[in-house]
């Protein structure tokens, strides 16, 4: 089973979904992309933990891990 966890705050991409995980990685990546997550290789940031500058460079925002 697959899910994506934010490297900044620890949020699970499926936290607000009716699914807890996917049987394949591709749907997890597609769902994260639709929610505005940044996913590249083994780096994953939710929309609250990252921004992209004018040149599409990743800017990681500092957040406390969720409890």
N, C-alpha and C. Protein backbone atom coordinates (compact mmCIF):
# COMPACT_ATOMS: atom_id res chain seq x y z
N UNK A 1 0.84 -1.17 0.00
CA UNK A 1 0.00 0.00 0.00
C UNK A 1 0.89 1.24 0.00
N UNK A 2 0.40 2.32 -0.63
CA UNK A 2 1.19 3.53 -0.78
C UNK A 2 0.42 4.76 -0.29
N UNK A 3 1.15 5.65 0.31
CA UNK A 3 0.66 6.98 0.64
C UNK A 3 1.87 7.91 0.59
N UNK A 4 1.63 9.19 0.71
CA UNK A 4 2.72 10.16 0.70
C UNK A 4 2.63 10.98 1.98
N UNK A 5 3.76 11.13 2.66
CA UNK A 5 3.85 11.89 3.90
C UNK A 5 4.71 13.12 3.64
N UNK A 6 4.24 14.29 4.09
CA UNK A 6 4.98 15.54 3.92
C UNK A 6 6.25 15.50 4.75
N UNK A 7 7.38 15.84 4.10
CA UNK A 7 8.66 15.88 4.80
C UNK A 7 8.78 17.10 5.71
N UNK A 8 7.88 18.06 5.57
CA UNK A 8 7.93 19.24 6.42
C UNK A 8 7.15 19.09 7.70
N UNK A 9 5.88 18.69 7.58
CA UNK A 9 5.02 18.66 8.77
C UNK A 9 4.52 17.26 9.14
N UNK A 10 4.72 16.29 8.27
CA UNK A 10 4.29 14.93 8.57
C UNK A 10 2.87 14.61 8.18
N UNK A 11 2.19 15.53 7.48
CA UNK A 11 0.81 15.29 7.06
C UNK A 11 0.76 14.19 6.01
N UNK A 12 -0.24 13.33 6.13
CA UNK A 12 -0.49 12.28 5.15
C UNK A 12 -1.38 12.87 4.06
N UNK A 13 -1.01 12.65 2.79
CA UNK A 13 -1.79 13.19 1.68
C UNK A 13 -3.25 12.72 1.74
N UNK A 14 -3.49 11.58 2.34
CA UNK A 14 -4.84 11.04 2.42
C UNK A 14 -5.59 11.44 3.69
N UNK A 15 -5.05 12.37 4.47
CA UNK A 15 -5.66 12.74 5.75
C UNK A 15 -7.11 13.20 5.60
N UNK A 16 -7.41 13.91 4.54
CA UNK A 16 -8.77 14.42 4.33
C UNK A 16 -9.49 13.67 3.22
N UNK A 17 -9.04 12.48 2.92
CA UNK A 17 -9.58 11.68 1.83
C UNK A 17 -10.40 10.51 2.38
N UNK A 18 -11.18 9.91 1.52
CA UNK A 18 -11.91 8.71 1.91
C UNK A 18 -11.02 7.47 1.84
N UNK A 19 -9.80 7.65 1.32
CA UNK A 19 -8.84 6.54 1.21
C UNK A 19 -7.74 6.71 2.25
N UNK A 20 -7.22 5.60 2.75
CA UNK A 20 -6.08 5.67 3.68
C UNK A 20 -4.78 5.39 2.96
N UNK A 21 -4.85 4.70 1.81
CA UNK A 21 -3.67 4.38 1.02
C UNK A 21 -4.13 3.87 -0.34
N UNK A 22 -3.17 3.73 -1.24
CA UNK A 22 -3.44 3.24 -2.59
C UNK A 22 -2.65 1.96 -2.82
N UNK A 23 -3.11 1.12 -3.72
CA UNK A 23 -2.41 -0.12 -4.02
C UNK A 23 -1.24 0.09 -4.97
N UNK A 24 -1.14 1.29 -5.54
CA UNK A 24 -0.08 1.62 -6.48
C UNK A 24 0.41 3.03 -6.17
N UNK A 25 1.65 3.34 -6.47
CA UNK A 25 2.22 4.65 -6.17
C UNK A 25 1.62 5.76 -7.03
N UNK A 26 1.34 5.48 -8.29
CA UNK A 26 0.88 6.50 -9.24
C UNK A 26 -0.36 7.27 -8.76
N UNK A 27 -1.41 6.61 -8.26
CA UNK A 27 -2.57 7.38 -7.77
C UNK A 27 -2.22 8.30 -6.60
N UNK A 28 -1.30 7.88 -5.74
CA UNK A 28 -0.88 8.74 -4.63
C UNK A 28 -0.20 10.00 -5.16
N UNK A 29 0.67 9.84 -6.14
CA UNK A 29 1.35 11.00 -6.73
C UNK A 29 0.36 11.91 -7.46
N UNK A 30 -0.58 11.33 -8.17
CA UNK A 30 -1.59 12.13 -8.88
C UNK A 30 -2.47 12.90 -7.90
N UNK A 31 -2.86 12.25 -6.82
CA UNK A 31 -3.69 12.90 -5.81
C UNK A 31 -2.93 14.04 -5.14
N UNK A 32 -1.66 13.80 -4.80
CA UNK A 32 -0.83 14.83 -4.19
C UNK A 32 -0.67 16.02 -5.14
N UNK A 33 -0.45 15.75 -6.40
CA UNK A 33 -0.31 16.81 -7.41
C UNK A 33 -1.59 17.65 -7.50
N UNK A 34 -2.72 16.99 -7.48
CA UNK A 34 -4.01 17.70 -7.55
C UNK A 34 -4.23 18.60 -6.34
N UNK A 35 -3.63 18.24 -5.20
CA UNK A 35 -3.76 19.04 -3.98
C UNK A 35 -2.68 20.10 -3.85
N UNK A 36 -1.78 20.19 -4.85
CA UNK A 36 -0.74 21.21 -4.83
C UNK A 36 0.51 20.82 -4.08
N UNK A 37 0.71 19.54 -3.86
CA UNK A 37 1.93 19.07 -3.19
C UNK A 37 3.10 19.12 -4.15
N UNK A 38 4.31 19.23 -3.59
CA UNK A 38 5.54 19.14 -4.35
C UNK A 38 6.10 17.75 -4.15
N UNK A 39 6.26 17.00 -5.23
CA UNK A 39 6.79 15.64 -5.16
C UNK A 39 7.91 15.50 -6.18
N UNK A 40 9.10 15.13 -5.70
CA UNK A 40 10.24 14.93 -6.58
C UNK A 40 11.11 13.84 -5.97
N UNK A 41 11.17 12.69 -6.64
CA UNK A 41 11.93 11.54 -6.14
C UNK A 41 11.44 11.19 -4.73
N UNK A 42 12.27 11.37 -3.71
CA UNK A 42 11.90 11.02 -2.33
C UNK A 42 11.60 12.25 -1.50
N UNK A 43 11.33 13.39 -2.13
CA UNK A 43 11.03 14.63 -1.42
C UNK A 43 9.56 14.96 -1.66
N UNK A 44 8.83 15.19 -0.56
CA UNK A 44 7.40 15.48 -0.67
C UNK A 44 7.04 16.59 0.32
N UNK A 45 6.41 17.65 -0.18
CA UNK A 45 5.97 18.75 0.67
C UNK A 45 4.53 19.10 0.35
N UNK A 46 3.70 19.22 1.40
CA UNK A 46 2.32 19.61 1.20
C UNK A 46 2.27 21.09 0.81
N UNK A 47 1.10 21.54 0.43
CA UNK A 47 0.96 22.93 -0.03
C UNK A 47 1.22 23.95 1.08
N UNK A 48 1.15 23.55 2.33
CA UNK A 48 1.43 24.46 3.44
C UNK A 48 2.92 24.56 3.75
N UNK A 49 3.71 23.63 3.25
CA UNK A 49 5.13 23.57 3.61
C UNK A 49 6.07 24.00 2.49
N UNK A 50 5.52 24.42 1.36
CA UNK A 50 6.41 24.84 0.28
C UNK A 50 5.79 25.94 -0.57
N UNK A 51 6.66 26.63 -1.27
CA UNK A 51 6.28 27.60 -2.30
C UNK A 51 7.26 27.44 -3.44
N UNK A 52 6.90 27.93 -4.60
CA UNK A 52 7.81 27.99 -5.73
C UNK A 52 8.05 29.45 -6.05
N UNK A 53 9.31 29.83 -6.29
CA UNK A 53 9.59 31.22 -6.63
C UNK A 53 9.28 31.46 -8.11
N UNK A 54 9.58 32.64 -8.61
CA UNK A 54 9.26 33.00 -9.99
C UNK A 54 9.98 32.13 -11.02
N UNK A 55 11.08 31.50 -10.60
CA UNK A 55 11.84 30.62 -11.49
C UNK A 55 11.54 29.14 -11.22
N UNK A 56 10.46 28.88 -10.50
CA UNK A 56 10.04 27.52 -10.14
C UNK A 56 11.05 26.79 -9.26
N UNK A 57 11.82 27.53 -8.47
CA UNK A 57 12.71 26.93 -7.49
C UNK A 57 11.92 26.66 -6.21
N UNK A 58 12.17 25.53 -5.60
CA UNK A 58 11.47 25.14 -4.39
C UNK A 58 11.94 25.98 -3.21
N UNK A 59 10.97 26.50 -2.45
CA UNK A 59 11.24 27.20 -1.20
C UNK A 59 10.50 26.42 -0.12
N UNK A 60 11.24 25.85 0.83
CA UNK A 60 10.64 25.07 1.91
C UNK A 60 10.34 26.01 3.06
N UNK A 61 9.10 25.96 3.52
CA UNK A 61 8.67 26.78 4.65
C UNK A 61 8.83 25.96 5.92
N UNK A 62 9.17 26.61 7.01
CA UNK A 62 9.38 25.91 8.28
C UNK A 62 8.05 25.76 9.00
N UNK A 63 7.70 24.54 9.31
CA UNK A 63 6.46 24.23 10.04
C UNK A 63 6.77 23.27 11.18
N UNK A 64 5.93 23.29 12.18
CA UNK A 64 6.03 22.31 13.24
C UNK A 64 5.37 21.02 12.76
N UNK A 65 5.92 19.86 13.16
CA UNK A 65 5.25 18.60 12.80
C UNK A 65 3.84 18.54 13.42
N UNK A 66 2.93 17.94 12.68
CA UNK A 66 1.57 17.80 13.21
C UNK A 66 1.57 16.72 14.29
N UNK A 67 0.63 16.81 15.22
CA UNK A 67 0.58 15.82 16.29
C UNK A 67 -0.41 14.74 15.96
